[in-house]
N, C-alpha and C. Protein backbone atom coordinates (compact mmCIF):
# COMPACT_ATOMS: atom_id res chain seq x y z
N MET A 1 53.77 -3.03 11.54
CA MET A 1 54.76 -3.87 10.44
C MET A 1 54.56 -5.50 10.91
N THR A 2 53.64 -6.15 10.10
CA THR A 2 53.73 -7.68 10.72
C THR A 2 54.65 -8.70 10.03
N ASP A 3 54.86 -9.49 10.80
CA ASP A 3 56.00 -10.55 10.20
C ASP A 3 55.71 -11.30 9.12
N ASN A 4 56.38 -11.48 8.24
CA ASN A 4 56.08 -12.60 7.23
C ASN A 4 55.83 -14.09 7.58
N PRO A 5 54.73 -14.50 7.58
CA PRO A 5 54.41 -15.96 7.97
C PRO A 5 55.35 -17.09 7.42
N PHE A 6 55.75 -16.52 6.25
CA PHE A 6 56.83 -17.61 5.49
C PHE A 6 58.14 -17.04 5.23
N PRO A 7 59.02 -16.93 6.31
CA PRO A 7 60.30 -16.21 6.16
C PRO A 7 61.06 -17.08 5.03
N GLN A 8 61.99 -16.21 4.58
CA GLN A 8 63.01 -16.89 3.60
C GLN A 8 64.42 -16.43 3.97
N PRO A 9 65.62 -16.92 3.70
CA PRO A 9 67.02 -16.60 3.81
C PRO A 9 67.19 -15.25 3.12
N ASP A 10 68.11 -14.31 3.53
CA ASP A 10 68.52 -13.11 2.65
C ASP A 10 69.33 -13.93 1.43
N VAL A 11 69.31 -13.37 0.35
CA VAL A 11 69.95 -13.97 -0.72
C VAL A 11 71.47 -14.17 -0.12
N ASP A 12 72.19 -13.20 0.45
CA ASP A 12 73.55 -13.61 0.90
C ASP A 12 73.80 -14.73 1.93
N ASP A 13 72.68 -15.03 2.40
CA ASP A 13 72.62 -16.03 3.46
C ASP A 13 72.29 -17.48 2.88
N ILE A 14 71.79 -17.66 1.44
CA ILE A 14 71.44 -18.89 0.72
C ILE A 14 72.91 -19.80 0.63
N ARG A 15 72.81 -20.80 1.03
CA ARG A 15 74.07 -21.78 0.73
C ARG A 15 73.93 -22.93 -0.03
N LEU A 16 74.97 -23.27 -0.91
CA LEU A 16 74.93 -23.82 -1.96
C LEU A 16 74.36 -25.59 -1.31
N THR A 17 74.82 -25.62 -0.31
CA THR A 17 74.53 -27.04 0.25
C THR A 17 73.31 -27.31 0.89
N ASN A 18 72.65 -26.14 1.38
CA ASN A 18 71.06 -26.37 1.88
C ASN A 18 70.30 -26.34 0.42
N ILE A 19 70.73 -25.92 -0.73
CA ILE A 19 69.97 -25.90 -2.04
C ILE A 19 70.14 -27.46 -2.56
N LEU A 20 71.32 -28.01 -2.39
CA LEU A 20 71.76 -29.45 -2.91
C LEU A 20 70.72 -30.29 -1.94
N ARG A 21 70.68 -30.23 -0.52
CA ARG A 21 69.93 -30.83 0.46
C ARG A 21 68.52 -30.78 0.12
N ALA A 22 68.14 -29.58 -0.26
CA ALA A 22 66.37 -29.36 -0.44
C ALA A 22 66.42 -30.30 -1.64
N LEU A 23 67.33 -30.41 -2.75
CA LEU A 23 66.77 -30.95 -3.90
C LEU A 23 66.94 -32.44 -3.81
N ALA A 24 67.28 -33.13 -2.80
CA ALA A 24 67.62 -34.58 -2.46
C ALA A 24 66.44 -35.51 -2.75
N ASP A 25 65.30 -34.65 -2.90
CA ASP A 25 63.96 -35.33 -2.78
C ASP A 25 63.33 -35.21 -4.14
N PRO A 26 63.13 -36.27 -5.06
CA PRO A 26 62.80 -36.37 -6.33
C PRO A 26 61.27 -35.38 -6.54
N GLY A 27 60.40 -35.33 -5.63
CA GLY A 27 59.42 -34.67 -5.69
C GLY A 27 59.67 -33.17 -5.67
N ARG A 28 60.70 -32.77 -4.90
CA ARG A 28 60.96 -31.27 -5.09
C ARG A 28 61.56 -30.83 -6.25
N VAL A 29 62.67 -31.92 -6.99
CA VAL A 29 62.94 -31.64 -8.08
C VAL A 29 62.06 -31.49 -9.35
N LYS A 30 61.01 -32.22 -9.18
CA LYS A 30 59.82 -31.94 -10.05
C LYS A 30 59.10 -30.76 -9.81
N MET A 31 59.20 -30.11 -8.71
CA MET A 31 58.55 -28.78 -8.06
C MET A 31 59.37 -27.95 -8.74
N LEU A 32 60.76 -27.97 -8.80
CA LEU A 32 61.66 -26.97 -9.17
C LEU A 32 61.61 -26.93 -10.78
N GLN A 33 61.45 -27.85 -11.58
CA GLN A 33 61.09 -27.93 -12.95
C GLN A 33 59.78 -27.09 -13.15
N VAL A 34 58.60 -27.15 -12.51
CA VAL A 34 57.69 -26.53 -12.51
C VAL A 34 57.78 -24.97 -12.33
N LEU A 35 58.58 -24.65 -11.31
CA LEU A 35 58.77 -23.30 -10.87
C LEU A 35 59.74 -22.65 -11.87
N ALA A 36 60.65 -23.34 -12.68
CA ALA A 36 61.65 -22.91 -13.44
C ALA A 36 61.01 -21.72 -14.47
N ASP A 37 59.74 -21.76 -14.87
CA ASP A 37 59.13 -20.97 -15.63
C ASP A 37 59.03 -19.15 -15.13
N GLY A 38 59.30 -19.09 -13.87
CA GLY A 38 59.38 -17.82 -13.14
C GLY A 38 58.13 -17.42 -12.82
N GLU A 39 57.07 -18.06 -12.92
CA GLU A 39 55.72 -17.37 -12.83
C GLU A 39 55.53 -17.98 -10.97
N TYR A 40 54.46 -17.20 -10.54
CA TYR A 40 53.85 -17.73 -9.29
C TYR A 40 52.96 -18.64 -9.33
N HIS A 41 52.92 -19.79 -8.92
CA HIS A 41 51.91 -20.91 -8.89
C HIS A 41 51.23 -21.27 -7.73
N ALA A 42 50.06 -21.63 -7.78
CA ALA A 42 49.28 -21.94 -6.65
C ALA A 42 49.75 -23.12 -5.89
N CYS A 43 49.69 -23.29 -4.74
CA CYS A 43 50.37 -24.05 -3.82
C CYS A 43 49.41 -25.24 -3.63
N ASN A 44 49.02 -25.95 -4.60
CA ASN A 44 48.38 -27.30 -4.58
C ASN A 44 49.06 -28.65 -5.06
N VAL A 45 48.45 -29.52 -4.92
CA VAL A 45 49.09 -30.54 -5.59
C VAL A 45 49.04 -30.72 -6.83
N ASP A 46 47.85 -30.47 -7.57
CA ASP A 46 47.41 -30.63 -9.04
C ASP A 46 48.44 -29.83 -9.84
N GLU A 47 48.89 -28.32 -9.28
CA GLU A 47 49.86 -27.69 -9.93
C GLU A 47 51.04 -28.15 -10.22
N PHE A 48 51.51 -29.15 -9.36
CA PHE A 48 52.84 -29.78 -9.42
C PHE A 48 52.76 -31.43 -10.19
N GLY A 49 51.58 -32.02 -10.18
CA GLY A 49 51.66 -33.32 -10.76
C GLY A 49 52.14 -34.33 -9.75
N LEU A 50 51.94 -34.10 -8.55
CA LEU A 50 52.38 -34.97 -7.64
C LEU A 50 51.38 -35.78 -7.08
N ASP A 51 51.74 -37.09 -6.77
CA ASP A 51 50.67 -37.83 -5.97
C ASP A 51 51.25 -38.04 -4.68
N ILE A 52 50.79 -36.82 -3.85
CA ILE A 52 51.29 -36.75 -2.41
C ILE A 52 50.06 -36.03 -1.50
N GLN A 53 50.34 -36.38 -0.42
CA GLN A 53 49.34 -35.77 0.49
C GLN A 53 49.64 -34.20 0.67
N LYS A 54 48.31 -33.54 1.08
CA LYS A 54 48.77 -31.90 1.36
C LYS A 54 49.91 -31.66 2.22
N SER A 55 49.79 -32.67 3.36
CA SER A 55 50.83 -31.89 4.40
C SER A 55 52.16 -32.26 3.84
N THR A 56 52.49 -33.45 2.93
CA THR A 56 53.64 -33.54 2.33
C THR A 56 54.00 -32.47 1.31
N LEU A 57 53.01 -31.99 0.87
CA LEU A 57 53.48 -30.65 -0.23
C LEU A 57 53.94 -29.61 0.59
N SER A 58 53.27 -29.39 1.97
CA SER A 58 53.62 -28.12 2.53
C SER A 58 54.92 -28.52 3.06
N HIS A 59 55.29 -29.75 3.23
CA HIS A 59 56.52 -29.96 4.01
C HIS A 59 57.70 -29.48 2.95
N HIS A 60 57.56 -30.07 1.39
CA HIS A 60 58.32 -29.68 0.24
C HIS A 60 58.43 -28.30 0.37
N PHE A 61 57.36 -27.35 0.16
CA PHE A 61 57.41 -26.02 -0.13
C PHE A 61 58.01 -25.51 1.05
N LYS A 62 57.95 -25.77 2.32
CA LYS A 62 58.77 -25.11 3.63
C LYS A 62 60.34 -25.51 3.36
N THR A 63 60.62 -26.63 2.84
CA THR A 63 62.17 -27.09 2.51
C THR A 63 62.76 -26.09 1.55
N LEU A 64 61.88 -26.03 0.39
CA LEU A 64 62.51 -25.21 -0.77
C LEU A 64 62.79 -23.74 -0.20
N ARG A 65 61.70 -23.32 0.41
CA ARG A 65 61.80 -21.93 0.92
C ARG A 65 62.93 -21.61 2.00
N GLU A 66 63.03 -22.50 2.83
CA GLU A 66 63.86 -22.50 3.81
C GLU A 66 65.64 -22.70 3.15
N ALA A 67 65.52 -23.51 2.20
CA ALA A 67 66.81 -23.44 1.53
C ALA A 67 67.28 -22.13 0.67
N GLY A 68 65.99 -21.40 0.37
CA GLY A 68 66.40 -20.11 -0.48
C GLY A 68 65.93 -20.14 -1.61
N LEU A 69 65.25 -21.44 -2.29
CA LEU A 69 64.91 -21.50 -3.50
C LEU A 69 63.78 -20.76 -3.92
N THR A 70 62.83 -20.78 -2.91
CA THR A 70 61.44 -20.23 -3.26
C THR A 70 60.87 -18.90 -2.36
N THR A 71 60.20 -18.28 -2.79
CA THR A 71 59.20 -17.20 -2.26
C THR A 71 57.97 -17.54 -2.49
N VAL A 72 57.00 -17.18 -1.22
CA VAL A 72 55.48 -17.26 -1.03
C VAL A 72 55.10 -16.02 -0.95
N ILE A 73 53.80 -15.79 -1.59
CA ILE A 73 53.10 -14.67 -1.32
C ILE A 73 51.59 -15.17 -0.98
N VAL A 74 50.93 -14.26 -0.23
CA VAL A 74 49.85 -14.69 0.39
C VAL A 74 48.78 -13.70 -0.19
N GLU A 75 47.82 -14.08 -1.05
CA GLU A 75 46.54 -13.49 -1.64
C GLU A 75 45.26 -13.67 -0.61
N GLY A 76 44.72 -12.99 0.28
CA GLY A 76 43.65 -13.61 1.15
C GLY A 76 44.09 -15.10 1.41
N ARG A 77 43.05 -16.02 1.34
CA ARG A 77 43.49 -17.22 1.79
C ARG A 77 44.20 -18.31 0.64
N SER A 78 44.97 -17.70 -0.38
CA SER A 78 45.57 -18.32 -1.26
C SER A 78 46.77 -18.03 -1.05
N HIS A 79 47.83 -18.98 -1.38
CA HIS A 79 49.26 -19.06 -1.38
C HIS A 79 49.75 -19.20 -2.62
N ARG A 80 50.69 -18.42 -3.03
CA ARG A 80 51.53 -18.55 -4.44
C ARG A 80 52.63 -18.84 -4.10
N ILE A 81 53.47 -19.61 -4.81
CA ILE A 81 54.97 -19.95 -4.76
C ILE A 81 55.47 -19.58 -6.16
N ALA A 82 56.80 -19.00 -6.03
CA ALA A 82 57.74 -18.95 -7.28
C ALA A 82 59.00 -19.34 -6.70
N LEU A 83 59.93 -19.64 -7.91
CA LEU A 83 61.38 -19.49 -7.48
C LEU A 83 62.02 -18.06 -7.60
N ARG A 84 62.87 -18.03 -6.91
CA ARG A 84 63.81 -16.91 -6.69
C ARG A 84 64.78 -16.90 -7.66
N GLY A 85 64.36 -17.01 -9.17
CA GLY A 85 65.50 -17.02 -10.24
C GLY A 85 66.38 -15.88 -10.12
N ASP A 86 66.00 -14.71 -10.41
CA ASP A 86 66.94 -13.63 -10.41
C ASP A 86 67.75 -13.70 -9.15
N GLU A 87 67.39 -13.83 -7.97
CA GLU A 87 68.42 -13.77 -6.79
C GLU A 87 69.14 -14.99 -7.06
N LEU A 88 68.86 -15.86 -7.52
CA LEU A 88 69.66 -17.10 -7.42
C LEU A 88 70.73 -17.10 -8.24
N GLU A 89 70.28 -16.57 -9.57
CA GLU A 89 71.12 -16.16 -10.65
C GLU A 89 72.34 -15.33 -10.15
N ALA A 90 71.87 -14.17 -9.45
CA ALA A 90 72.93 -13.32 -8.87
C ALA A 90 74.06 -13.89 -7.96
N ARG A 91 73.44 -14.86 -7.21
CA ARG A 91 74.46 -15.43 -6.07
C ARG A 91 74.99 -16.72 -6.66
N PHE A 92 74.47 -17.54 -7.54
CA PHE A 92 75.10 -18.59 -8.08
C PHE A 92 74.94 -18.74 -9.62
N PRO A 93 75.64 -17.80 -10.49
CA PRO A 93 75.07 -17.75 -11.91
C PRO A 93 75.19 -19.14 -12.54
N GLY A 94 74.12 -19.28 -13.34
CA GLY A 94 73.93 -20.52 -14.03
C GLY A 94 73.32 -21.79 -13.22
N LEU A 95 73.28 -21.39 -11.74
CA LEU A 95 72.81 -22.83 -11.18
C LEU A 95 71.31 -23.11 -11.64
N VAL A 96 70.44 -22.33 -11.52
CA VAL A 96 69.36 -22.46 -11.79
C VAL A 96 69.03 -23.39 -13.37
N ALA A 97 69.64 -22.78 -14.28
CA ALA A 97 69.75 -23.21 -15.85
C ALA A 97 70.16 -24.84 -15.50
N PHE A 98 71.52 -25.01 -14.67
CA PHE A 98 71.87 -26.43 -14.72
C PHE A 98 70.92 -27.10 -13.70
N LEU A 99 70.37 -26.67 -12.76
CA LEU A 99 69.59 -27.70 -11.73
C LEU A 99 68.42 -28.12 -12.84
N THR A 100 67.97 -27.20 -13.69
CA THR A 100 66.57 -27.68 -14.37
C THR A 100 66.93 -28.36 -16.06
N SER A 101 68.34 -28.42 -15.99
CA SER A 101 68.72 -29.21 -17.26
C SER A 101 68.32 -30.41 -17.04
N GLU A 102 68.07 -31.36 -18.33
CA GLU A 102 67.56 -32.59 -18.36
C GLU A 102 68.74 -33.31 -17.86
N SER A 103 69.95 -33.27 -17.97
CA SER A 103 70.90 -34.28 -17.24
C SER A 103 70.93 -34.00 -15.81
N ALA A 104 70.65 -32.97 -15.49
CA ALA A 104 70.98 -32.58 -13.85
C ALA A 104 69.50 -33.29 -13.43
N VAL A 105 68.34 -33.00 -13.88
CA VAL A 105 67.12 -33.57 -13.41
C VAL A 105 67.23 -35.24 -13.29
N GLU A 106 67.99 -35.86 -14.11
CA GLU A 106 68.04 -37.06 -14.27
C GLU A 106 69.08 -37.65 -13.03
N ASP A 107 70.04 -37.05 -12.67
CA ASP A 107 70.95 -37.17 -11.71
C ASP A 107 70.46 -36.91 -10.47
N LEU A 108 69.68 -35.88 -10.43
CA LEU A 108 68.74 -35.58 -9.09
C LEU A 108 67.94 -36.48 -8.78
N ARG A 109 67.41 -37.06 -9.54
CA ARG A 109 66.06 -37.93 -9.64
C ARG A 109 66.54 -39.61 -9.36
N ALA A 110 67.99 -39.69 -9.51
CA ALA A 110 68.30 -41.18 -9.34
C ALA A 110 68.46 -41.50 -7.84
N PRO A 111 68.26 -42.68 -7.41
CA PRO A 111 68.14 -42.92 -6.43
C PRO A 111 69.62 -43.16 -5.59
């Protein structure tokens, strides 16, 4: 059995404070909006419409994953990321809908 190269916390270990800390960056808020569709997305800058370096994007992916917001699958040399929507809904009912609402997104983007 191989270890997952992209570990994520068990749903019971996800903490709201870690989620909010992860969303303190406007780029990660934008990423959350994209991921809110429930689909797996390619792990590249163009997918998320961000004007950042690949290394910064990788840092954002790691931060979101370690907070428990996302999961990553590896398909050969490609990586795909998705929001853990159903798990988050079970742990924190209504949180994803709230965090992706227009008013919450504006608040999270505010300096």
